Amino acid sequence: MKLGICNLTAIAMRAHPSDKSEMVSQLLYGETYSILDHQIKWVLIRTTFDQYEGWISINQLHLFDKAFNDSPSQSIVTSLYGTLIQPENHIQILSFGSNFSVTTTDKITDPNQIDSFTGKFHEIKTFNKDLVLQFSCMWIGVPYLWGGRSIFGVDCSGFTQLIFKAAGYTLFRDASLQVNQGEIVNFIQEAQPGDLAFFDNEEGGIVHVGIITDNKNVIHASGSVRIDQIDHQGIFNEQERKYTHHLRVIKRI
């Protein structure tokens, strides 16, 4: 099976092989994938990180360089954004959550030739829940975008997934799948910073997710990444003076 790697800031993954099809997710720089099928203009892929499937434009296909995978350590960008300086001073912006590799001599290796990197990154070894709240608060004000997974636009589950990725834990892509991970917290009063709060619609389907900051507030992507009040009923929007999301369950990773 052929492998590919994202060498652009972000690549749209679509539900169907068409520019008009909805964007279901995004690849970030340095994320790898396997190629499942292809058409004239489109490639069906499955991401290595979360096993998510979608179609990308064949013009954005970049076959995998085995040297990247063999690098001693995989690092994650943990500043809101970073910049790669490439030959001839070409600058490429990387979003929080992007991947690259660092050798034992601190030389950065990646899909493109680069001269230097500006920004913060760290090597992920184990899950550190203390980083969840630290990272999530950096995102306040980032706009909402259906299917988004970058600082240029993010949806609710893309936000939680990237925060936990940088903290060392792999969440599934969609809220309806993330709800199956972790242990149930029985009462909102028992919630701890970094717990995940899930919300349902009238039919009982999980449609939204956020990160508990304390047992009275939640940070989530809705319009933009923001902090709102939460109680046993759900999220209360102070500006709208109403509940906007019905709380279904709280999970602890």
Protein backbone atom coordinates (compact mmCIF):
# COMPACT_ATOMS: atom_id res chain seq x y z
CA MET A 1 0.00 0.00 0.00
CA LYS A 2 1.39 3.39 -0.98
CA LEU A 3 1.89 6.03 1.69
CA GLY A 4 1.71 9.80 1.54
CA ILE A 5 2.57 12.78 3.71
CA CYS A 6 1.12 16.27 3.95
CA ASN A 7 3.73 18.82 2.81
CA LEU A 8 1.33 21.78 2.83
CA THR A 9 0.04 23.82 5.77
CA ALA A 10 -3.31 22.01 5.55
CA ILE A 11 -5.11 19.82 3.02
CA ALA A 12 -8.89 19.47 2.85
CA MET A 13 -10.30 15.95 3.18
CA ARG A 14 -13.70 15.66 1.51
CA ALA A 15 -16.57 13.21 1.88
CA HIS A 16 -16.71 12.57 -1.87
CA PRO A 17 -14.31 13.12 -4.80
CA SER A 18 -15.55 16.60 -5.69
CA ASP A 19 -14.59 20.18 -4.92
CA LYS A 20 -18.25 20.74 -4.03
CA SER A 21 -18.30 17.95 -1.44
CA GLU A 22 -18.22 18.88 2.24
CA MET A 23 -14.88 19.06 4.01
CA VAL A 24 -14.95 16.36 6.68
CA SER A 25 -11.45 16.94 8.05
CA GLN A 26 -8.00 18.30 7.27
CA LEU A 27 -4.48 16.94 7.10
CA LEU A 28 -1.85 19.06 8.81
CA TYR A 29 1.77 19.43 7.78
CA GLY A 30 3.75 16.27 8.46
CA GLU A 31 0.76 13.99 9.00
CA THR A 32 0.93 10.74 7.05
CA TYR A 33 -1.68 8.60 5.35
CA SER A 34 -2.20 5.44 3.33
CA ILE A 35 -3.69 5.52 -0.17
CA LEU A 36 -6.81 3.37 -0.53
CA ASP A 37 -8.10 4.29 -3.99
CA HIS A 38 -7.74 6.93 -6.66
CA GLN A 39 -9.61 8.54 -9.52
CA ILE A 40 -8.38 10.92 -12.21
CA LYS A 41 -8.36 13.98 -9.93
CA TRP A 42 -8.86 12.50 -6.45
CA VAL A 43 -7.23 10.12 -3.99
CA LEU A 44 -9.03 8.26 -1.18
CA ILE A 45 -6.83 8.17 1.92
CA ARG A 46 -6.82 6.87 5.49
CA THR A 47 -4.88 8.92 8.03
CA THR A 48 -2.21 7.21 10.11
CA PHE A 49 -3.00 9.25 13.22
CA ASP A 50 -6.71 8.54 13.65
CA GLN A 51 -7.64 6.15 10.80
CA TYR A 52 -10.00 8.74 9.30
CA GLU A 53 -10.95 8.40 5.64
CA GLY A 54 -11.59 11.06 3.03
CA TRP A 55 -10.74 12.27 -0.46
CA ILE A 56 -7.93 14.71 -1.24
CA SER A 57 -7.03 16.38 -4.51
CA ILE A 58 -4.43 14.44 -6.48
CA ASN A 59 -2.64 17.77 -7.00
CA GLN A 60 -1.91 17.75 -3.25
CA LEU A 61 -0.66 14.17 -3.12
CA HIS A 62 2.93 13.86 -1.86
CA LEU A 63 4.34 10.35 -1.63
CA PHE A 64 5.91 9.33 1.63
CA ASP A 65 9.64 9.70 2.29
CA LYS A 66 10.64 6.75 4.47
CA ALA A 67 13.43 8.84 6.03
CA PHE A 68 10.81 10.99 7.76
CA ASN A 69 9.23 7.98 9.43
CA ASP A 70 12.65 6.62 10.45
CA SER A 71 13.68 9.83 12.22
CA PRO A 72 14.46 9.28 15.92
CA SER A 73 11.61 11.41 17.26
CA GLN A 74 8.32 12.85 16.08
CA SER A 75 7.61 16.34 17.39
CA ILE A 76 4.42 18.41 17.47
CA VAL A 77 4.15 22.16 16.96
CA THR A 78 2.80 23.57 20.25
CA SER A 79 2.88 27.29 19.57
CA LEU A 80 -0.32 28.56 17.94
CA TYR A 81 1.67 28.68 14.73
CA GLY A 82 5.26 28.29 13.58
CA THR A 83 7.19 29.20 10.45
CA LEU A 84 9.44 27.05 8.31
CA ILE A 85 12.18 28.94 6.49
CA GLN A 86 12.93 27.07 3.29
CA PRO A 87 15.61 27.61 0.62
CA GLU A 88 15.49 31.02 -1.10
CA ASN A 89 13.76 32.38 2.05
CA HIS A 90 10.40 30.83 1.21
CA ILE A 91 8.24 30.92 4.36
CA GLN A 92 5.62 28.30 5.21
CA ILE A 93 3.23 28.72 8.14
CA LEU A 94 2.54 25.65 10.27
CA SER A 95 -0.47 25.32 12.53
CA PHE A 96 -0.45 24.04 16.10
CA GLY A 97 -0.57 20.25 15.90
CA SER A 98 1.61 19.90 12.81
CA ASN A 99 4.31 17.22 12.78
CA PHE A 100 7.99 17.14 11.99
CA SER A 101 10.97 15.05 13.03
CA VAL A 102 14.07 16.00 14.98
CA THR A 103 17.27 13.98 14.83
CA THR A 104 19.56 13.30 17.77
CA THR A 105 21.68 16.28 16.66
CA ASP A 106 18.59 18.55 16.79
CA LYS A 107 18.46 18.73 13.01
CA ILE A 108 14.92 19.05 11.73
CA THR A 109 13.88 16.67 8.97
CA ASP A 110 10.58 16.99 7.16
CA PRO A 111 8.82 16.54 3.79
CA ASN A 112 10.33 19.78 2.44
CA GLN A 113 13.89 21.05 2.58
CA ILE A 114 14.14 23.66 5.32
CA ASP A 115 16.76 25.94 6.77
CA SER A 116 15.16 26.75 10.12
CA PHE A 117 11.96 26.69 12.18
CA THR A 118 10.54 29.47 14.35
CA GLY A 119 8.03 28.47 17.00
CA LYS A 120 7.59 26.00 19.86
CA PHE A 121 7.50 22.23 19.54
CA HIS A 122 7.99 19.22 21.75
CA GLU A 123 8.49 15.50 21.46
CA ILE A 124 5.53 13.49 22.66
CA LYS A 125 6.42 10.61 24.97
CA THR A 126 3.48 10.16 27.36
CA PHE A 127 0.08 11.76 27.92
CA ASN A 128 0.31 14.89 30.08
CA LYS A 129 -3.19 16.03 31.01
CA ASP A 130 -1.84 19.20 32.62
CA LEU A 131 -1.04 20.45 29.11
CA VAL A 132 -4.66 20.17 27.94
CA LEU A 133 -5.89 23.34 29.63
CA GLN A 134 -2.67 25.21 28.87
CA PHE A 135 -2.91 24.46 25.16
CA SER A 136 -6.68 24.90 24.84
CA CYS A 137 -6.70 28.45 26.22
CA MET A 138 -4.24 29.49 23.50
CA TRP A 139 -6.99 28.88 20.93
CA ILE A 140 -9.54 31.39 22.23
CA GLY A 141 -10.81 33.44 19.29
CA VAL A 142 -9.88 30.96 16.54
CA PRO A 143 -12.85 30.87 14.11
CA TYR A 144 -15.17 27.89 13.76
CA LEU A 145 -14.93 25.93 10.50
CA TRP A 146 -16.80 22.71 9.75
CA GLY A 147 -14.18 20.01 9.19
CA GLY A 148 -11.36 22.32 10.28
CA ARG A 149 -8.29 21.21 12.23
CA SER A 150 -6.06 24.28 12.18
CA ILE A 151 -5.66 27.75 13.66
CA PHE A 152 -7.28 29.14 10.52
CA GLY A 153 -10.54 27.39 11.41
CA VAL A 154 -11.53 24.45 13.58
CA ASP A 155 -14.66 22.50 14.47
CA CYS A 156 -15.54 21.26 17.96
CA SER A 157 -14.05 17.77 17.69
CA GLY A 158 -11.08 18.95 15.62
CA PHE A 159 -10.27 21.34 18.47
CA THR A 160 -10.41 18.68 21.18
CA GLN A 161 -8.49 16.20 19.03
CA LEU A 162 -5.61 18.61 18.36
CA ILE A 163 -5.34 19.69 21.99
CA PHE A 164 -5.12 16.09 23.17
CA LYS A 165 -2.75 15.21 20.33
CA ALA A 166 -0.29 17.85 21.52
CA ALA A 167 -0.71 16.57 25.09
CA GLY A 168 0.11 13.02 24.01
CA TYR A 169 -3.25 11.27 23.57
CA THR A 170 -5.04 10.22 20.38
CA LEU A 171 -8.73 11.08 20.24
CA PHE A 172 -10.88 9.94 17.34
CA ARG A 173 -11.85 12.59 14.80
CA ASP A 174 -15.58 12.99 15.44
CA ALA A 175 -17.40 13.79 18.69
CA SER A 176 -19.66 10.77 18.13
CA LEU A 177 -16.54 8.57 18.31
CA GLN A 178 -14.66 10.50 21.00
CA VAL A 179 -17.56 9.92 23.40
CA ASN A 180 -16.61 6.22 23.49
CA GLN A 181 -13.17 7.01 24.95
CA GLY A 182 -12.33 7.53 28.62
CA GLU A 183 -14.27 6.94 31.83
CA ILE A 184 -17.64 8.43 32.77
CA VAL A 185 -17.76 11.27 35.32
CA ASN A 186 -21.14 10.98 37.05
CA PHE A 187 -21.74 14.58 38.11
CA ILE A 188 -20.67 17.98 36.80
CA GLN A 189 -19.54 18.85 40.34
CA GLU A 190 -16.94 16.06 40.04
CA ALA A 191 -15.57 17.30 36.72
CA GLN A 192 -11.88 18.21 36.57
CA PRO A 193 -9.94 20.50 34.21
CA GLY A 194 -9.24 18.60 31.00
CA ASP A 195 -12.32 16.37 31.15
CA LEU A 196 -14.40 16.16 27.96
CA ALA A 197 -18.04 17.26 27.94
CA PHE A 198 -20.31 15.82 25.24
CA PHE A 199 -23.63 17.25 24.09
CA ASP A 200 -26.51 15.70 22.16
CA ASN A 201 -29.38 16.74 19.91
CA GLU A 202 -33.09 16.00 20.30
CA GLU A 203 -32.62 12.55 18.77
CA GLY A 204 -29.88 11.68 21.29
CA GLY A 205 -26.99 11.83 18.84
CA ILE A 206 -23.69 13.30 20.03
CA VAL A 207 -23.20 16.54 18.09
CA HIS A 208 -20.79 18.65 20.15
CA VAL A 209 -17.80 18.37 22.49
CA GLY A 210 -15.81 20.74 24.67
CA ILE A 211 -13.09 20.71 27.33
CA ILE A 212 -13.93 21.39 30.97
CA THR A 213 -11.85 24.23 32.44
CA ASP A 214 -13.45 23.87 35.88
CA ASN A 215 -16.80 22.52 37.03
CA LYS A 216 -18.53 25.75 35.99
CA ASN A 217 -16.95 26.51 32.60
CA VAL A 218 -16.14 24.80 29.31
CA ILE A 219 -13.95 25.81 26.36
CA HIS A 220 -15.32 24.77 22.98
CA ALA A 221 -15.53 25.73 19.30
CA SER A 222 -18.90 27.32 18.56
CA GLY A 223 -18.72 30.34 16.26
CA SER A 224 -15.19 30.60 17.56
CA VAL A 225 -13.20 28.94 20.30
CA ARG A 226 -14.67 30.42 23.48
CA ILE A 227 -15.32 29.80 27.17
CA ASP A 228 -18.92 29.51 28.36
CA GLN A 229 -20.69 28.52 31.55
CA ILE A 230 -21.71 24.88 32.02
CA ASP A 231 -23.98 23.11 34.49
CA HIS A 232 -25.90 19.84 34.63
CA GLN A 233 -28.23 21.09 31.87
CA GLY A 234 -25.53 22.10 29.42
CA ILE A 235 -23.79 25.17 28.03
CA PHE A 236 -25.26 28.55 28.92
CA ASN A 237 -24.39 31.39 26.55
CA GLU A 238 -24.26 34.62 28.56
CA GLN A 239 -24.62 36.86 25.49
CA GLU A 240 -27.68 35.02 24.20
CA ARG A 241 -29.04 34.39 27.71
CA LYS A 242 -29.98 30.82 26.90
CA TYR A 243 -28.74 27.23 26.88
CA THR A 244 -27.20 26.40 23.51
CA HIS A 245 -26.06 22.79 24.02
CA HIS A 246 -27.64 19.97 26.06
CA LEU A 247 -25.16 18.05 28.24
CA ARG A 248 -25.16 14.29 27.67
CA VAL A 249 -22.07 12.97 29.46
CA ILE A 250 -18.65 13.92 30.83
CA LYS A 251 -15.68 11.65 30.15
CA ARG A 252 -12.23 11.58 31.75
CA ILE A 253 -9.23 10.50 29.71
